[in-house]
Amino acid sequence: MSIDFPHVLEHFSLFLSALFNNKVVLTILVTFLTLGVKYALVKTVRNRAISKGKDKRDLVNNIKNFLNFVMLFLLLSLWAGELQTFALSIAAFAVAIVLATREFIQCMIGFFYLASTRPFRIGDWVQVGDIVGEVSETDWMKSTLLEVDIHKYEYTGKTLFIPNNAMITNTIKNLNFLKRYATHHFNITRDQSVNPYLFIDQLQQKAELYCEDFKDVAHRYSQTIERRLDVKIAGPDPHINVSTSEVGDSVVTVAIFCPTERAIEIEQKLIKDFMTMWFAAKRSGNIEPREGTELSPDDRQPIS
């Protein structure tokens, strides 16, 4: 029995023609094809980034958003006629639809605002209102942040999802330069029974000693920040100032330009040194009484 190949090919051609003229089938094909390409590209980029030890999250995020846009554009083009007819048929309800979906529309506008102005990139530290975190992903509706404790320069373990419309109504602060190095400030407050100027030079030497191993790198990094921002920043040398509080206590303010992962460590070392020097000065009799008070005999006698 012979097979009539031209007849079979003709039927197969008609089947394919009917299949591809079906918009539902085309919608499914476009969706699966786009998602498949996105998955393959993202996996390839991530594997190469892992093998080379580089951070490619920004490229991965851009690939996702671009392919999502391509898929949306193709689907809108495919169903343009039906959408136009549908829009005309519900023209009377257009205002109600806009009001019902205004939050989603604002989020999409916020996405285009972020894409055009580029206030941050994936991996940057940003502050949106009172929220501080590292940007891990952005899409048409939201931005995903990994929350950061800005006082300790460490992750809290919380993931924040911020609607893109909040990026328009709130001030965005890019804290990316704080991710590696930061000008860390902290205060030490004590009463005025001891004059801190007796040992402030020793504390300054301690601060310089703790910052010695990264001094050259900190100097180059501060110069890089100054060139990019065109401003003068504090550092890289440590600074120590003495002032008084509202109630008359002595306040020692320390500013160090250091790696963020070592900021708390150096702060604790300097506080320890300060307390040791302060109590040593008080025991040795190098103290200054408050007005209207007298030194006790124990305070006047230094400890041998």
C-alpha atoms as a PDB file:
ATOM      1  CA  MET A   1       0.000   0.000   0.000  1.00  0.00           C
ATOM      2  CA  SER A   2       1.549   3.243  -1.122  1.00  0.00           C
ATOM      3  CA  ILE A   3       1.362   6.464   0.857  1.00  0.00           C
ATOM      4  CA  ASP A   4       0.262   9.616  -0.918  1.00  0.00           C
ATOM      5  CA  PHE A   5       2.905  11.966   0.545  1.00  0.00           C
ATOM      6  CA  PRO A   6       1.679  15.137  -1.240  1.00  0.00           C
ATOM      7  CA  HIS A   7      -1.807  14.525   0.140  1.00  0.00           C
ATOM      8  CA  VAL A   8      -0.445  13.948   3.659  1.00  0.00           C
ATOM      9  CA  LEU A   9       1.730  17.040   3.469  1.00  0.00           C
ATOM     10  CA  GLU A  10      -1.230  19.068   2.296  1.00  0.00           C
ATOM     11  CA  HIS A  11      -3.331  17.946   5.268  1.00  0.00           C
ATOM     12  CA  PHE A  12      -0.432  18.534   7.641  1.00  0.00           C
ATOM     13  CA  SER A  13       0.042  22.028   6.220  1.00  0.00           C
ATOM     14  CA  LEU A  14      -3.642  22.785   6.699  1.00  0.00           C
ATOM     15  CA  PHE A  15      -3.436  21.481  10.266  1.00  0.00           C
ATOM     16  CA  LEU A  16      -0.465  23.717  11.065  1.00  0.00           C
ATOM     17  CA  SER A  17      -2.167  26.684   9.428  1.00  0.00           C
ATOM     18  CA  ALA A  18      -5.299  26.160  11.497  1.00  0.00           C
ATOM     19  CA  LEU A  19      -3.204  25.607  14.605  1.00  0.00           C
ATOM     20  CA  PHE A  20      -1.198  28.791  14.231  1.00  0.00           C
ATOM     21  CA  ASN A  21      -4.300  30.789  13.379  1.00  0.00           C
ATOM     22  CA  ASN A  22      -5.691  29.851  16.771  1.00  0.00           C
ATOM     23  CA  LYS A  23      -4.769  32.701  19.086  1.00  0.00           C
ATOM     24  CA  VAL A  24      -5.147  30.604  22.221  1.00  0.00           C
ATOM     25  CA  VAL A  25      -2.555  28.137  20.935  1.00  0.00           C
ATOM     26  CA  LEU A  26      -0.235  30.955  19.891  1.00  0.00           C
ATOM     27  CA  THR A  27      -0.617  32.534  23.324  1.00  0.00           C
ATOM     28  CA  ILE A  28       0.419  29.283  24.993  1.00  0.00           C
ATOM     29  CA  LEU A  29       3.374  28.830  22.607  1.00  0.00           C
ATOM     30  CA  VAL A  30       4.628  32.402  23.093  1.00  0.00           C
ATOM     31  CA  THR A  31       4.311  32.120  26.856  1.00  0.00           C
ATOM     32  CA  PHE A  32       6.136  28.797  27.142  1.00  0.00           C
ATOM     33  CA  LEU A  33       8.801  29.819  24.625  1.00  0.00           C
ATOM     34  CA  THR A  34       9.544  33.074  26.429  1.00  0.00           C
ATOM     35  CA  LEU A  35       9.617  31.431  29.846  1.00  0.00           C
ATOM     36  CA  GLY A  36      11.890  28.684  28.522  1.00  0.00           C
ATOM     37  CA  VAL A  37      14.348  31.161  27.009  1.00  0.00           C
ATOM     38  CA  LYS A  38      14.315  33.211  30.212  1.00  0.00           C
ATOM     39  CA  TYR A  39      14.998  30.158  32.369  1.00  0.00           C
ATOM     40  CA  ALA A  40      17.859  28.990  30.124  1.00  0.00           C
ATOM     41  CA  LEU A  41      19.519  32.429  29.947  1.00  0.00           C
ATOM     42  CA  VAL A  42      19.204  33.090  33.675  1.00  0.00           C
ATOM     43  CA  LYS A  43      20.608  29.672  34.560  1.00  0.00           C
ATOM     44  CA  THR A  44      23.536  30.140  32.146  1.00  0.00           C
ATOM     45  CA  VAL A  45      24.414  33.602  33.484  1.00  0.00           C
ATOM     46  CA  ARG A  46      24.184  32.439  37.106  1.00  0.00           C
ATOM     47  CA  ASN A  47      26.379  29.389  36.484  1.00  0.00           C
ATOM     48  CA  ARG A  48      29.030  31.518  34.782  1.00  0.00           C
ATOM     49  CA  ALA A  49      28.862  34.079  37.581  1.00  0.00           C
ATOM     50  CA  ILE A  50      29.365  31.357  40.205  1.00  0.00           C
ATOM     51  CA  SER A  51      32.305  29.842  38.313  1.00  0.00           C
ATOM     52  CA  LYS A  52      33.987  33.254  37.936  1.00  0.00           C
ATOM     53  CA  GLY A  53      33.063  34.480  41.426  1.00  0.00           C
ATOM     54  CA  LYS A  54      31.272  37.588  40.120  1.00  0.00           C
ATOM     55  CA  ASP A  55      27.968  39.209  41.062  1.00  0.00           C
ATOM     56  CA  LYS A  56      25.669  39.132  38.005  1.00  0.00           C
ATOM     57  CA  ARG A  57      22.369  39.764  39.785  1.00  0.00           C
ATOM     58  CA  ASP A  58      21.907  43.051  37.943  1.00  0.00           C
ATOM     59  CA  LEU A  59      22.285  41.328  34.541  1.00  0.00           C
ATOM     60  CA  VAL A  60      19.920  38.518  35.591  1.00  0.00           C
ATOM     61  CA  ASN A  61      17.316  41.059  36.712  1.00  0.00           C
ATOM     62  CA  ASN A  62      17.605  42.980  33.412  1.00  0.00           C
ATOM     63  CA  ILE A  63      17.200  39.757  31.394  1.00  0.00           C
ATOM     64  CA  LYS A  64      14.045  38.847  33.318  1.00  0.00           C
ATOM     65  CA  ASN A  65      12.468  42.265  32.903  1.00  0.00           C
ATOM     66  CA  PHE A  66      13.360  42.474  29.192  1.00  0.00           C
ATOM     67  CA  LEU A  67      11.906  39.050  28.357  1.00  0.00           C
ATOM     68  CA  ASN A  68       8.799  39.810  30.418  1.00  0.00           C
ATOM     69  CA  PHE A  69       8.382  42.983  28.359  1.00  0.00           C
ATOM     70  CA  VAL A  70       8.857  41.052  25.089  1.00  0.00           C
ATOM     71  CA  MET A  71       6.261  38.474  26.141  1.00  0.00           C
ATOM     72  CA  LEU A  72       3.768  41.184  27.144  1.00  0.00           C
ATOM     73  CA  PHE A  73       4.342  43.055  23.867  1.00  0.00           C
ATOM     74  CA  LEU A  74       3.807  39.912  21.774  1.00  0.00           C
ATOM     75  CA  LEU A  75       0.631  38.968  23.632  1.00  0.00           C
ATOM     76  CA  LEU A  76      -0.791  42.481  23.337  1.00  0.00           C
ATOM     77  CA  SER A  77       0.000  42.492  19.603  1.00  0.00           C
ATOM     78  CA  LEU A  78      -1.664  39.109  19.203  1.00  0.00           C
ATOM     79  CA  TRP A  79      -4.860  40.155  20.962  1.00  0.00           C
ATOM     80  CA  ALA A  80      -4.870  43.819  19.868  1.00  0.00           C
ATOM     81  CA  GLY A  81      -8.116  43.533  17.862  1.00  0.00           C
ATOM     82  CA  GLU A  82     -10.012  41.823  20.647  1.00  0.00           C
ATOM     83  CA  LEU A  83      -8.659  44.243  23.233  1.00  0.00           C
ATOM     84  CA  GLN A  84      -9.744  47.211  21.122  1.00  0.00           C
ATOM     85  CA  THR A  85     -13.249  45.806  20.774  1.00  0.00           C
ATOM     86  CA  PHE A  86     -13.356  45.041  24.486  1.00  0.00           C
ATOM     87  CA  ALA A  87     -12.155  48.554  25.365  1.00  0.00           C
ATOM     88  CA  LEU A  88     -14.853  50.150  23.213  1.00  0.00           C
ATOM     89  CA  SER A  89     -17.522  47.963  24.742  1.00  0.00           C
ATOM     90  CA  ILE A  90     -16.622  48.967  28.292  1.00  0.00           C
ATOM     91  CA  ALA A  91     -15.848  52.640  27.632  1.00  0.00           C
ATOM     92  CA  ALA A  92     -18.532  53.610  30.096  1.00  0.00           C
ATOM     93  CA  PHE A  93     -16.735  51.667  32.823  1.00  0.00           C
ATOM     94  CA  ALA A  94     -13.245  52.962  31.983  1.00  0.00           C
ATOM     95  CA  VAL A  95     -13.133  55.347  34.923  1.00  0.00           C
ATOM     96  CA  ALA A  96     -14.170  52.606  37.321  1.00  0.00           C
ATOM     97  CA  ILE A  97     -11.511  50.263  35.920  1.00  0.00           C
ATOM     98  CA  VAL A  98      -8.787  52.903  36.281  1.00  0.00           C
ATOM     99  CA  LEU A  99      -9.823  53.618  39.855  1.00  0.00           C
ATOM    100  CA  ALA A 100      -9.887  49.919  40.693  1.00  0.00           C
ATOM    101  CA  THR A 101      -6.426  49.299  39.242  1.00  0.00           C
ATOM    102  CA  ARG A 102      -4.767  52.622  40.072  1.00  0.00           C
ATOM    103  CA  GLU A 103      -2.305  51.016  42.529  1.00  0.00           C
ATOM    104  CA  PHE A 104      -1.117  48.580  39.864  1.00  0.00           C
ATOM    105  CA  ILE A 105      -0.851  51.378  37.317  1.00  0.00           C
ATOM    106  CA  GLN A 106       1.194  53.459  39.760  1.00  0.00           C
ATOM    107  CA  CYS A 107       3.515  50.490  40.365  1.00  0.00           C
ATOM    108  CA  MET A 108       4.089  50.103  36.629  1.00  0.00           C
ATOM    109  CA  ILE A 109       4.787  53.830  36.293  1.00  0.00           C
ATOM    110  CA  GLY A 110       7.197  53.486  39.204  1.00  0.00           C
ATOM    111  CA  PHE A 111       8.999  50.672  37.372  1.00  0.00           C
ATOM    112  CA  PHE A 112       9.496  52.863  34.284  1.00  0.00           C
ATOM    113  CA  TYR A 113      10.690  55.672  36.572  1.00  0.00           C
ATOM    114  CA  LEU A 114      13.306  53.360  38.134  1.00  0.00           C
ATOM    115  CA  ALA A 115      14.353  52.015  34.731  1.00  0.00           C
ATOM    116  CA  SER A 116      14.819  55.504  33.269  1.00  0.00           C
ATOM    117  CA  THR A 117      16.492  57.286  36.198  1.00  0.00           C
ATOM    118  CA  ARG A 118      18.516  54.310  37.546  1.00  0.00           C
ATOM    119  CA  PRO A 119      18.784  55.573  41.160  1.00  0.00           C
ATOM    120  CA  PHE A 120      20.271  52.212  42.140  1.00  0.00           C
ATOM    121  CA  ARG A 121      21.415  48.875  40.754  1.00  0.00           C
ATOM    122  CA  ILE A 122      20.988  45.318  41.947  1.00  0.00           C
ATOM    123  CA  GLY A 123      23.301  44.833  44.931  1.00  0.00           C
ATOM    124  CA  ASP A 124      23.265  48.480  46.062  1.00  0.00           C
ATOM    125  CA  TRP A 125      22.373  49.487  49.602  1.00  0.00           C
ATOM    126  CA  VAL A 126      19.449  51.927  49.551  1.00  0.00           C
ATOM    127  CA  GLN A 127      17.220  53.698  52.035  1.00  0.00           C
ATOM    128  CA  VAL A 128      13.562  54.204  51.133  1.00  0.00           C
ATOM    129  CA  GLY A 129      11.876  56.216  53.849  1.00  0.00           C
ATOM    130  CA  ASP A 130      12.924  54.517  57.084  1.00  0.00           C
ATOM    131  CA  ILE A 131      13.750  51.214  55.375  1.00  0.00           C
ATOM    132  CA  VAL A 132      17.372  50.262  54.611  1.00  0.00           C
ATOM    133  CA  GLY A 133      18.314  47.209  52.587  1.00  0.00           C
ATOM    134  CA  GLU A 134      20.241  45.683  49.706  1.00  0.00           C
ATOM    135  CA  VAL A 135      18.376  45.568  46.390  1.00  0.00           C
ATOM    136  CA  SER A 136      18.124  41.941  45.293  1.00  0.00           C
ATOM    137  CA  GLU A 137      15.503  42.149  42.531  1.00  0.00           C
ATOM    138  CA  THR A 138      13.093  44.513  40.778  1.00  0.00           C
ATOM    139  CA  ASP A 139      10.109  43.783  38.563  1.00  0.00           C
ATOM    140  CA  TRP A 140       7.083  45.609  37.191  1.00  0.00           C
ATOM    141  CA  MET A 141       5.241  45.709  40.501  1.00  0.00           C
ATOM    142  CA  LYS A 142       7.749  45.633  43.348  1.00  0.00           C
ATOM    143  CA  SER A 143      11.362  45.922  44.432  1.00  0.00           C
ATOM    144  CA  THR A 144      12.821  43.257  46.724  1.00  0.00           C
ATOM    145  CA  LEU A 145      15.244  44.339  49.461  1.00  0.00           C
ATOM    146  CA  LEU A 146      17.296  42.344  51.960  1.00  0.00           C
ATOM    147  CA  GLU A 147      16.988  44.404  55.148  1.00  0.00           C
ATOM    148  CA  VAL A 148      20.227  45.813  56.586  1.00  0.00           C
ATOM    149  CA  ASP A 149      20.829  47.164  60.098  1.00  0.00           C
ATOM    150  CA  ILE A 150      22.619  50.388  59.160  1.00  0.00           C
ATOM    151  CA  HIS A 151      23.962  50.834  62.689  1.00  0.00           C
ATOM    152  CA  LYS A 152      25.674  47.428  62.706  1.00  0.00           C
ATOM    153  CA  TYR A 153      26.243  47.116  58.927  1.00  0.00           C
ATOM    154  CA  GLU A 154      24.828  43.589  58.818  1.00  0.00           C
ATOM    155  CA  TYR A 155      21.815  41.784  57.368  1.00  0.00           C
ATOM    156  CA  THR A 156      18.825  41.210  59.634  1.00  0.00           C
ATOM    157  CA  GLY A 157      17.601  38.163  57.714  1.00  0.00           C
ATOM    158  CA  LYS A 158      14.347  39.869  56.686  1.00  0.00           C
ATOM    159  CA  THR A 159      13.201  40.257  53.080  1.00  0.00           C
ATOM    160  CA  LEU A 160      11.260  43.425  52.224  1.00  0.00           C
ATOM    161  CA  PHE A 161       8.874  43.792  49.274  1.00  0.00           C
ATOM    162  CA  ILE A 162       8.311  47.457  48.404  1.00  0.00           C
ATOM    163  CA  PRO A 163       5.691  48.478  45.793  1.00  0.00           C
ATOM    164  CA  ASN A 164       7.254  50.506  43.006  1.00  0.00           C
ATOM    165  CA  ASN A 165       4.853  53.400  43.595  1.00  0.00           C
ATOM    166  CA  ALA A 166       6.560  53.911  46.978  1.00  0.00           C
ATOM    167  CA  MET A 167       9.773  54.646  45.057  1.00  0.00           C
ATOM    168  CA  ILE A 168       8.085  57.728  43.595  1.00  0.00           C
ATOM    169  CA  THR A 169       6.497  59.102  46.756  1.00  0.00           C
ATOM    170  CA  ASN A 170       9.503  58.466  49.062  1.00  0.00           C
ATOM    171  CA  THR A 171      13.048  59.756  49.011  1.00  0.00           C
ATOM    172  CA  ILE A 172      15.555  57.172  47.759  1.00  0.00           C
ATOM    173  CA  LYS A 173      19.023  57.317  49.320  1.00  0.00           C
ATOM    174  CA  ASN A 174      21.740  55.286  47.627  1.00  0.00           C
ATOM    175  CA  LEU A 175      24.044  54.009  50.385  1.00  0.00           C
ATOM    176  CA  ASN A 176      26.221  51.887  48.137  1.00  0.00           C
ATOM    177  CA  PHE A 177      29.461  53.575  49.264  1.00  0.00           C
ATOM    178  CA  LEU A 178      28.645  52.462  52.817  1.00  0.00           C
ATOM    179  CA  LYS A 179      28.557  48.825  51.754  1.00  0.00           C
ATOM    180  CA  ARG A 180      32.341  48.413  51.785  1.00  0.00           C
ATOM    181  CA  TYR A 181      33.691  51.319  53.838  1.00  0.00           C
ATOM    182  CA  ALA A 182      31.830  53.717  56.120  1.00  0.00           C
ATOM    183  CA  THR A 183      32.544  56.729  58.302  1.00  0.00           C
ATOM    184  CA  HIS A 184      31.452  55.209  61.594  1.00  0.00           C
ATOM    185  CA  HIS A 185      30.529  57.610  64.424  1.00  0.00           C
ATOM    186  CA  PHE A 186      29.918  56.764  68.066  1.00  0.00           C
ATOM    187  CA  ASN A 187      29.795  58.655  71.366  1.00  0.00           C
ATOM    188  CA  ILE A 188      31.155  57.846  74.817  1.00  0.00           C
ATOM    189  CA  THR A 189      29.517  59.786  77.665  1.00  0.00           C
ATOM    190  CA  ARG A 190      30.930  60.051  81.195  1.00  0.00           C
ATOM    191  CA  ASP A 191      30.594  62.510  84.065  1.00  0.00           C
ATOM    192  CA  GLN A 192      33.075  65.355  84.482  1.00  0.00           C
ATOM    193  CA  SER A 193      34.931  63.846  87.425  1.00  0.00           C
ATOM    194  CA  VAL A 194      37.801  63.067  85.024  1.00  0.00           C
ATOM    195  CA  ASN A 195      39.303  65.381  82.435  1.00  0.00           C
ATOM    196  CA  PRO A 196      39.257  63.376  79.144  1.00  0.00           C
ATOM    197  CA  TYR A 197      42.019  65.578  77.682  1.00  0.00           C
ATOM    198  CA  LEU A 198      44.465  63.822  80.039  1.00  0.00           C
ATOM    199  CA  PHE A 199      44.405  60.709  77.844  1.00  0.00           C
ATOM    200  CA  ILE A 200      42.751  61.820  74.601  1.00  0.00           C
ATOM    201  CA  ASP A 201      46.087  61.657  72.758  1.00  0.00           C
ATOM    202  CA  GLN A 202      46.567  58.055  73.859  1.00  0.00           C
ATOM    203  CA  LEU A 203      43.079  57.201  72.617  1.00  0.00           C
ATOM    204  CA  GLN A 204      43.919  58.848  69.293  1.00  0.00           C
ATOM    205  CA  GLN A 205      47.015  56.679  68.998  1.00  0.00           C
ATOM    206  CA  LYS A 206      44.950  53.579  69.753  1.00  0.00           C
ATOM    207  CA  ALA A 207      42.463  54.501  67.022  1.00  0.00           C
ATOM    208  CA  GLU A 208      45.270  55.036  64.501  1.00  0.00           C
ATOM    209  CA  LEU A 209      46.791  51.690  65.503  1.00  0.00           C
ATOM    210  CA  TYR A 210      43.512  49.821  64.932  1.00  0.00           C
ATOM    211  CA  CYS A 211      43.124  51.474  61.508  1.00  0.00           C
ATOM    212  CA  GLU A 212      46.741  50.997  60.422  1.00  0.00           C
ATOM    213  CA  ASP A 213      46.341  47.698  58.540  1.00  0.00           C
ATOM    214  CA  PHE A 214      43.748  49.113  56.098  1.00  0.00           C
ATOM    215  CA  LYS A 215      44.900  52.736  56.043  1.00  0.00           C
ATOM    216  CA  ASP A 216      46.207  52.684  52.446  1.00  0.00           C
ATOM    217  CA  VAL A 217      43.104  50.980  51.073  1.00  0.00           C
ATOM    218  CA  ALA A 218      40.834  53.345  53.021  1.00  0.00           C
ATOM    219  CA  HIS A 219      42.729  56.341  51.644  1.00  0.00           C
ATOM    220  CA  ARG A 220      42.310  55.149  48.037  1.00  0.00           C
ATOM    221  CA  TYR A 221      38.649  54.309  48.592  1.00  0.00           C
ATOM    222  CA  SER A 222      37.907  57.726  50.116  1.00  0.00           C
ATOM    223  CA  GLN A 223      39.588  59.394  47.129  1.00  0.00           C
ATOM    224  CA  THR A 224      37.428  57.305  44.780  1.00  0.00           C
ATOM    225  CA  ILE A 225      34.263  58.405  46.597  1.00  0.00           C
ATOM    226  CA  GLU A 226      35.356  62.052  46.522  1.00  0.00           C
ATOM    227  CA  ARG A 227      36.017  61.907  42.763  1.00  0.00           C
ATOM    228  CA  ARG A 228      32.676  60.271  41.984  1.00  0.00           C
ATOM    229  CA  LEU A 229      30.583  62.458  44.267  1.00  0.00           C
ATOM    230  CA  ASP A 230      32.704  65.599  43.843  1.00  0.00           C
ATOM    231  CA  VAL A 231      32.567  66.266  47.587  1.00  0.00           C
ATOM    232  CA  LYS A 232      34.995  66.150  50.499  1.00  0.00           C
ATOM    233  CA  ILE A 233      34.263  63.385  53.002  1.00  0.00           C
ATOM    234  CA  ALA A 234      35.636  62.758  56.468  1.00  0.00           C
ATOM    235  CA  GLY A 235      38.568  60.379  56.729  1.00  0.00           C
ATOM    236  CA  PRO A 236      40.476  58.288  56.327  1.00  0.00           C
ATOM    237  CA  ASP A 237      42.283  59.324  59.533  1.00  0.00           C
ATOM    238  CA  PRO A 238      40.388  58.827  62.813  1.00  0.00           C
ATOM    239  CA  HIS A 239      38.953  61.944  64.477  1.00  0.00           C
ATOM    240  CA  ILE A 240      38.182  62.372  68.180  1.00  0.00           C
ATOM    241  CA  ASN A 241      36.333  65.373  69.588  1.00  0.00           C
ATOM    242  CA  VAL A 242      35.298  66.270  73.134  1.00  0.00           C
ATOM    243  CA  SER A 243      32.092  68.133  73.939  1.00  0.00           C
ATOM    244  CA  THR A 244      29.496  68.319  76.702  1.00  0.00           C
ATOM    245  CA  SER A 245      25.944  67.071  76.906  1.00  0.00           C
ATOM    246  CA  GLU A 246      22.880  69.065  77.930  1.00  0.00           C
ATOM    247  CA  VAL A 247      23.352  67.974  81.537  1.00  0.00           C
ATOM    248  CA  GLY A 248      27.054  68.845  81.597  1.00  0.00           C
ATOM    249  CA  ASP A 249      28.584  65.382  81.121  1.00  0.00           C
ATOM    250  CA  SER A 250      31.673  64.890  78.969  1.00  0.00           C
ATOM    251  CA  VAL A 251      30.957  63.428  75.532  1.00  0.00           C
ATOM    252  CA  VAL A 252      33.784  61.971  73.461  1.00  0.00           C
ATOM    253  CA  THR A 253      32.829  61.595  69.788  1.00  0.00           C
ATOM    254  CA  VAL A 254      34.887  59.229  67.648  1.00  0.00           C
ATOM    255  CA  ALA A 255      34.775  59.042  63.833  1.00  0.00           C
ATOM    256  CA  ILE A 256      36.638  56.290  62.004  1.00  0.00           C
ATOM    257  CA  PHE A 257      36.685  55.490  58.286  1.00  0.00           C
ATOM    258  CA  CYS A 258      36.891  51.709  58.185  1.00  0.00           C
ATOM    259  CA  PRO A 259      35.522  48.548  56.544  1.00  0.00           C
ATOM    260  CA  THR A 260      31.891  48.066  57.515  1.00  0.00           C
ATOM    261  CA  GLU A 261      32.497  44.536  58.793  1.00  0.00           C
ATOM    262  CA  ARG A 262      35.090  45.868  61.284  1.00  0.00           C
ATOM    263  CA  ALA A 263      33.297  49.000  62.468  1.00  0.00           C
ATOM    264  CA  ILE A 264      31.674  47.460  65.557  1.00  0.00           C
ATOM    265  CA  GLU A 265      34.867  45.562  66.432  1.00  0.00           C
ATOM    266  CA  ILE A 266      36.978  48.746  66.415  1.00  0.00           C
ATOM    267  CA  GLU A 267      34.263  50.648  68.290  1.00  0.00           C
ATOM    268  CA  GLN A 268      34.295  48.083  71.105  1.00  0.00           C
ATOM    269  CA  LYS A 269      38.094  48.171  71.319  1.00  0.00           C
ATOM    270  CA  LEU A 270      38.144  51.959  71.610  1.00  0.00           C
ATOM    271  CA  ILE A 271      35.375  51.965  74.218  1.00  0.00           C
ATOM    272  CA  LYS A 272      37.334  49.395  76.212  1.00  0.00           C
ATOM    273  CA  ASP A 273      40.506  51.535  75.985  1.00  0.00           C
ATOM    274  CA  PHE A 274      38.589  54.668  76.956  1.00  0.00           C
ATOM    275  CA  MET A 275      37.036  53.040  80.009  1.00  0.00           C
ATOM    276  CA  THR A 276      40.408  51.640  81.101  1.00  0.00           C
ATOM    277  CA  MET A 277      42.054  55.066  80.800  1.00  0.00           C
ATOM    278  CA  TRP A 278      39.131  56.865  82.428  1.00  0.00           C
ATOM    279  CA  PHE A 279      39.028  54.638  85.528  1.00  0.00           C
ATOM    280  CA  ALA A 280      42.831  54.619  85.750  1.00  0.00           C
ATOM    281  CA  ALA A 281      42.852  58.427  85.745  1.00  0.00           C
ATOM    282  CA  LYS A 282      40.135  58.511  88.371  1.00  0.00           C
ATOM    283  CA  ARG A 283      41.975  56.062  90.648  1.00  0.00           C
ATOM    284  CA  SER A 284      45.273  57.909  90.251  1.00  0.00           C
ATOM    285  CA  GLY A 285      43.742  61.176  91.434  1.00  0.00           C
ATOM    286  CA  ASN A 286      43.760  62.978  88.051  1.00  0.00           C
ATOM    287  CA  ILE A 287      40.156  64.016  88.501  1.00  0.00           C
ATOM    288  CA  GLU A 288      38.256  67.252  88.452  1.00  0.00           C
ATOM    289  CA  PRO A 289      35.446  67.631  91.025  1.00  0.00           C
ATOM    290  CA  ARG A 290      32.151  69.133  90.083  1.00  0.00           C
ATOM    291  CA  GLU A 291      31.451  72.621  91.306  1.00  0.00           C
ATOM    292  CA  GLY A 292      30.409  72.611  94.969  1.00  0.00           C
ATOM    293  CA  THR A 293      31.897  69.143  95.708  1.00  0.00           C
ATOM    294  CA  GLU A 294      35.092  68.045  97.368  1.00  0.00           C
ATOM    295  CA  LEU A 295      37.298  65.078  96.673  1.00  0.00           C
ATOM    296  CA  SER A 296      37.137  62.202  99.120  1.00  0.00           C
ATOM    297  CA  PRO A 297      40.397  61.031 100.755  1.00  0.00           C
ATOM    298  CA  ASP A 298      40.203  57.804  98.726  1.00  0.00           C
ATOM    299  CA  ASP A 299      40.002  59.759  95.446  1.00  0.00           C
ATOM    300  CA  ARG A 300      42.985  61.943  96.447  1.00  0.00           C
ATOM    301  CA  GLN A 301      45.259  58.955  97.094  1.00  0.00           C
ATOM    302  CA  PRO A 302      46.553  57.184  93.955  1.00  0.00           C
ATOM    303  CA  ILE A 303      46.650  53.429  93.905  1.00  0.00           C
ATOM    304  CA  SER A 304      50.197  52.063  93.953  1.00  0.00           C
END
